[in-house]
Amino acid sequence: MKRIALITGATAGFGRAIAEQLAGENFDLIVTGRRRERLEELKTTLEAAGKIRVLPLCFDVRNYEEVKSNLGNLPAGWEKVDVLVNNAGLAAGLAPIHQGDVDDWERMIDTNIKGLLYVTRTIAPGMTERKSGHIINIGSIAGREVYPAGNVYCATKHAVRALSQAIRIDLNPYKIRVTLIAPGAAETEFSLVRFKGDQERADQVYQGFEPLVA
């Protein structure tokens, strides 16, 4: 039986690149995101490229009921997730703390921290029962260093780093590996999302150097 990988936030950027990589390594894939048409296109593309199965699930990781409904009741043949990639995350806004948008704060906290927790809490019990699995959390260099006006985003990624270390300790007795990957300065849709679709402002982020790509 093929190994199964679950990737959150698979509709763009790192998530899509990770899906393509794991498909090339012959994993069957569960891909999640909020944009159904992109998930369906990804399924079509990856299944056409190789002999793998792709299960697209459209929901918001910020909503625990949606997480439980989708991931807590996986179809037959999809229940044994070998690799979980907690990739869903975002930055919203860029402002000093005294000018910050509370809605932006809530969105980052709910996605970057609570979403990761909800998905992990739903998938990890199966891994502990089987005493097998690998959880990969996509953090950020912002989880090690802070930068001007990045306050709450940086705080959420510091939390991802701390959670990764704590989860590793908790799951070590069950032979489950936990990995934190902390990229930075990568040109994906990250800045476009942060600046709410302002392409000109997003492009300015990467001026003067060659950024990483997914």
Protein backbone atom coordinates (compact mmCIF):
# COMPACT_ATOMS: atom_id res chain seq x y z
CA MET A 1 0.00 0.00 0.00
CA LYS A 2 1.29 3.46 -0.87
CA ARG A 3 2.17 5.96 1.80
CA ILE A 4 -0.28 8.81 2.33
CA ALA A 5 0.67 12.44 2.89
CA LEU A 6 -1.70 15.17 4.04
CA ILE A 7 -0.80 18.73 3.04
CA THR A 8 -2.72 21.75 4.29
CA GLY A 9 -2.76 24.96 2.27
CA ALA A 10 -1.93 23.05 -0.90
CA THR A 11 -3.47 25.46 -3.41
CA ALA A 12 -0.36 27.64 -3.95
CA GLY A 13 3.23 28.34 -2.96
CA PHE A 14 4.99 25.90 -0.67
CA GLY A 15 1.92 23.71 -0.31
CA ARG A 16 1.57 23.06 -4.02
CA ALA A 17 5.33 22.55 -4.44
CA ILE A 18 5.34 20.04 -1.59
CA ALA A 19 2.40 18.20 -3.15
CA GLU A 20 4.24 17.98 -6.47
CA GLN A 21 7.40 16.74 -4.75
CA LEU A 22 5.63 14.05 -2.75
CA ALA A 23 3.62 12.96 -5.78
CA GLY A 24 6.94 12.43 -7.52
CA GLU A 25 7.97 10.22 -4.61
CA ASN A 26 4.85 8.09 -5.14
CA PHE A 27 2.76 9.26 -2.20
CA ASP A 28 -0.99 9.29 -2.40
CA LEU A 29 -2.05 12.78 -1.34
CA ILE A 30 -4.76 14.45 0.71
CA VAL A 31 -4.64 18.12 -0.24
CA THR A 32 -6.61 20.80 1.59
CA GLY A 33 -7.33 24.46 1.05
CA ARG A 34 -10.11 27.01 0.74
CA ARG A 35 -10.10 27.34 -3.07
CA ARG A 36 -11.99 24.37 -4.47
CA GLU A 37 -11.17 25.03 -8.12
CA ARG A 38 -7.44 25.05 -7.40
CA LEU A 39 -7.70 21.80 -5.44
CA GLU A 40 -9.53 20.12 -8.29
CA GLU A 41 -6.98 21.39 -10.81
CA LEU A 42 -4.16 20.08 -8.61
CA LYS A 43 -5.85 16.68 -8.39
CA THR A 44 -6.22 16.50 -12.16
CA THR A 45 -2.63 17.57 -12.81
CA LEU A 46 -0.99 15.25 -10.29
CA GLU A 47 -3.05 12.19 -11.10
CA ALA A 48 -2.33 12.66 -14.80
CA ALA A 49 1.41 12.89 -14.12
CA GLY A 50 1.73 9.66 -12.15
CA LYS A 51 0.03 6.60 -10.74
CA ILE A 52 -1.14 8.22 -7.54
CA ARG A 53 -4.46 9.13 -5.96
CA VAL A 54 -5.34 12.65 -4.79
CA LEU A 55 -8.13 13.43 -2.35
CA PRO A 56 -9.00 17.17 -2.37
CA LEU A 57 -10.77 18.52 0.72
CA CYS A 58 -12.03 22.10 0.71
CA PHE A 59 -12.32 23.62 4.18
CA ASP A 60 -10.84 26.28 6.46
CA VAL A 61 -8.30 25.08 9.06
CA ARG A 62 -9.44 27.95 11.32
CA ASN A 63 -12.75 26.18 11.86
CA TYR A 64 -12.35 23.21 14.22
CA GLU A 65 -15.71 21.72 13.27
CA GLU A 66 -14.72 21.75 9.60
CA VAL A 67 -11.36 20.18 10.45
CA LYS A 68 -13.03 17.39 12.45
CA SER A 69 -15.71 16.84 9.82
CA ASN A 70 -13.20 16.52 6.97
CA LEU A 71 -10.14 14.97 8.57
CA GLY A 72 -11.79 13.09 11.41
CA ASN A 73 -13.91 11.08 8.96
CA LEU A 74 -11.60 10.28 6.08
CA PRO A 75 -12.91 7.85 3.44
CA ALA A 76 -11.94 4.19 3.52
CA GLY A 77 -8.38 3.73 2.34
CA TRP A 78 -7.33 7.23 3.36
CA GLU A 79 -7.32 6.96 7.15
CA LYS A 80 -3.66 6.04 7.70
CA VAL A 81 -1.80 9.30 7.19
CA ASP A 82 1.95 8.68 7.17
CA VAL A 83 3.09 12.28 6.71
CA LEU A 84 1.30 15.43 7.85
CA VAL A 85 2.56 18.72 6.43
CA ASN A 86 1.11 21.66 8.38
CA ASN A 87 1.69 24.24 5.67
CA ALA A 88 -1.42 26.46 5.87
CA GLY A 89 -0.36 29.88 7.12
CA LEU A 90 -0.26 33.54 6.20
CA ALA A 91 0.74 37.06 7.08
CA ALA A 92 -1.91 39.79 7.10
CA GLY A 93 -0.92 43.43 7.16
CA LEU A 94 2.33 45.09 8.15
CA ALA A 95 1.95 47.75 10.83
CA PRO A 96 3.54 48.78 14.13
CA ILE A 97 1.77 47.36 17.14
CA HIS A 98 -0.08 50.58 18.01
CA GLN A 99 -1.56 50.75 14.50
CA GLY A 100 -2.26 47.07 13.98
CA ASP A 101 -5.54 45.77 12.59
CA VAL A 102 -7.13 43.43 15.13
CA ASP A 103 -8.89 41.49 12.37
CA ASP A 104 -5.48 40.82 10.80
CA TRP A 105 -4.18 39.63 14.17
CA GLU A 106 -7.10 37.24 14.60
CA ARG A 107 -6.66 35.85 11.10
CA MET A 108 -2.96 35.10 11.65
CA ILE A 109 -3.43 33.61 15.10
CA ASP A 110 -6.35 31.47 13.97
CA THR A 111 -4.57 30.17 10.87
CA ASN A 112 -0.94 29.90 11.90
CA ILE A 113 -1.40 28.60 15.44
CA LYS A 114 -4.90 27.28 15.97
CA GLY A 115 -5.18 25.75 12.50
CA LEU A 116 -1.96 23.83 13.03
CA LEU A 117 -3.22 22.65 16.42
CA TYR A 118 -6.64 21.60 15.11
CA VAL A 119 -5.18 19.54 12.27
CA THR A 120 -2.47 17.97 14.43
CA ARG A 121 -4.97 17.10 17.17
CA THR A 122 -7.13 15.34 14.59
CA ILE A 123 -4.40 13.39 12.78
CA ALA A 124 -1.86 12.62 15.52
CA PRO A 125 -3.98 10.06 17.43
CA GLY A 126 -3.90 7.72 14.43
CA MET A 127 -0.13 8.07 14.26
CA THR A 128 0.26 7.29 17.96
CA GLU A 129 -1.93 4.19 17.60
CA ARG A 130 0.28 2.93 14.76
CA LYS A 131 3.49 4.19 16.41
CA SER A 132 4.51 5.60 13.07
CA GLY A 133 4.39 8.95 11.29
CA HIS A 134 6.12 12.20 10.46
CA ILE A 135 4.74 15.67 11.15
CA ILE A 136 6.35 18.54 9.23
CA ASN A 137 5.49 22.08 10.30
CA ILE A 138 6.23 24.95 7.92
CA GLY A 139 7.40 27.79 10.13
CA SER A 140 9.45 30.81 9.16
CA ILE A 141 12.71 32.58 9.85
CA ALA A 142 10.31 35.01 11.56
CA GLY A 143 10.02 32.34 14.22
CA ARG A 144 13.66 32.97 15.12
CA GLU A 145 14.07 36.69 14.47
CA VAL A 146 11.61 39.58 14.45
CA TYR A 147 11.42 42.51 12.06
CA PRO A 148 9.80 45.97 12.13
CA ALA A 149 5.99 45.88 12.00
CA GLY A 150 6.01 42.08 11.88
CA ASN A 151 4.98 41.80 15.53
CA VAL A 152 2.00 39.41 15.54
CA TYR A 153 3.09 37.40 12.49
CA CYS A 154 6.49 36.86 14.09
CA ALA A 155 4.79 35.87 17.35
CA THR A 156 2.71 33.23 15.58
CA LYS A 157 5.78 31.73 13.94
CA HIS A 158 7.66 31.76 17.25
CA ALA A 159 4.67 29.77 18.52
CA VAL A 160 5.01 27.28 15.65
CA ARG A 161 8.65 26.79 16.60
CA ALA A 162 7.78 26.23 20.27
CA LEU A 163 4.92 23.89 19.38
CA SER A 164 7.15 21.88 17.06
CA GLN A 165 9.64 21.34 19.87
CA ALA A 166 6.90 20.45 22.35
CA ILE A 167 5.10 18.11 19.93
CA ARG A 168 8.40 16.35 19.26
CA ILE A 169 8.80 15.66 22.98
CA ASP A 170 5.18 14.53 23.38
CA LEU A 171 5.25 12.15 20.41
CA ASN A 172 8.79 10.80 20.79
CA PRO A 173 7.60 7.77 22.81
CA TYR A 174 5.43 6.81 19.82
CA LYS A 175 8.33 6.92 17.33
CA ILE A 176 6.81 9.86 15.46
CA ARG A 177 9.21 12.33 13.90
CA VAL A 178 8.52 16.05 14.05
CA THR A 179 10.30 18.48 11.75
CA LEU A 180 10.23 22.28 11.59
CA ILE A 181 11.18 23.98 8.33
CA ALA A 182 11.76 27.74 8.62
CA PRO A 183 12.09 29.43 5.21
CA GLY A 184 12.26 33.16 4.61
CA ALA A 185 12.19 35.70 1.79
CA ALA A 186 10.40 33.36 -0.59
CA GLU A 187 8.40 34.78 -3.47
CA THR A 188 5.09 32.94 -3.35
CA GLU A 189 1.66 34.50 -2.81
CA PHE A 190 2.81 35.40 0.71
CA SER A 191 3.27 39.15 0.21
CA LEU A 192 0.28 39.41 -2.11
CA VAL A 193 -1.90 37.97 0.66
CA ARG A 194 -0.24 40.15 3.31
CA PHE A 195 -1.02 43.29 1.32
CA LYS A 196 -4.52 42.13 0.39
CA GLY A 197 -3.94 41.83 -3.34
CA ASP A 198 -1.76 44.93 -3.83
CA GLN A 199 0.62 43.50 -6.46
CA GLU A 200 2.80 46.63 -6.67
CA ARG A 201 3.44 46.67 -2.92
CA ALA A 202 4.04 42.91 -2.90
CA ASP A 203 6.65 43.21 -5.67
CA GLN A 204 8.57 45.82 -3.68
CA VAL A 205 9.29 43.27 -0.96
CA TYR A 206 11.68 41.39 -3.23
CA GLN A 207 13.48 44.30 -4.87
CA GLY A 208 17.25 44.30 -4.67
CA PHE A 209 17.82 40.58 -4.19
CA GLU A 210 16.86 37.22 -5.65
CA PRO A 211 14.25 35.60 -3.40
CA LEU A 212 13.76 31.92 -2.76
CA VAL A 213 10.94 30.19 -4.61
CA ALA A 214 8.66 27.41 -3.41
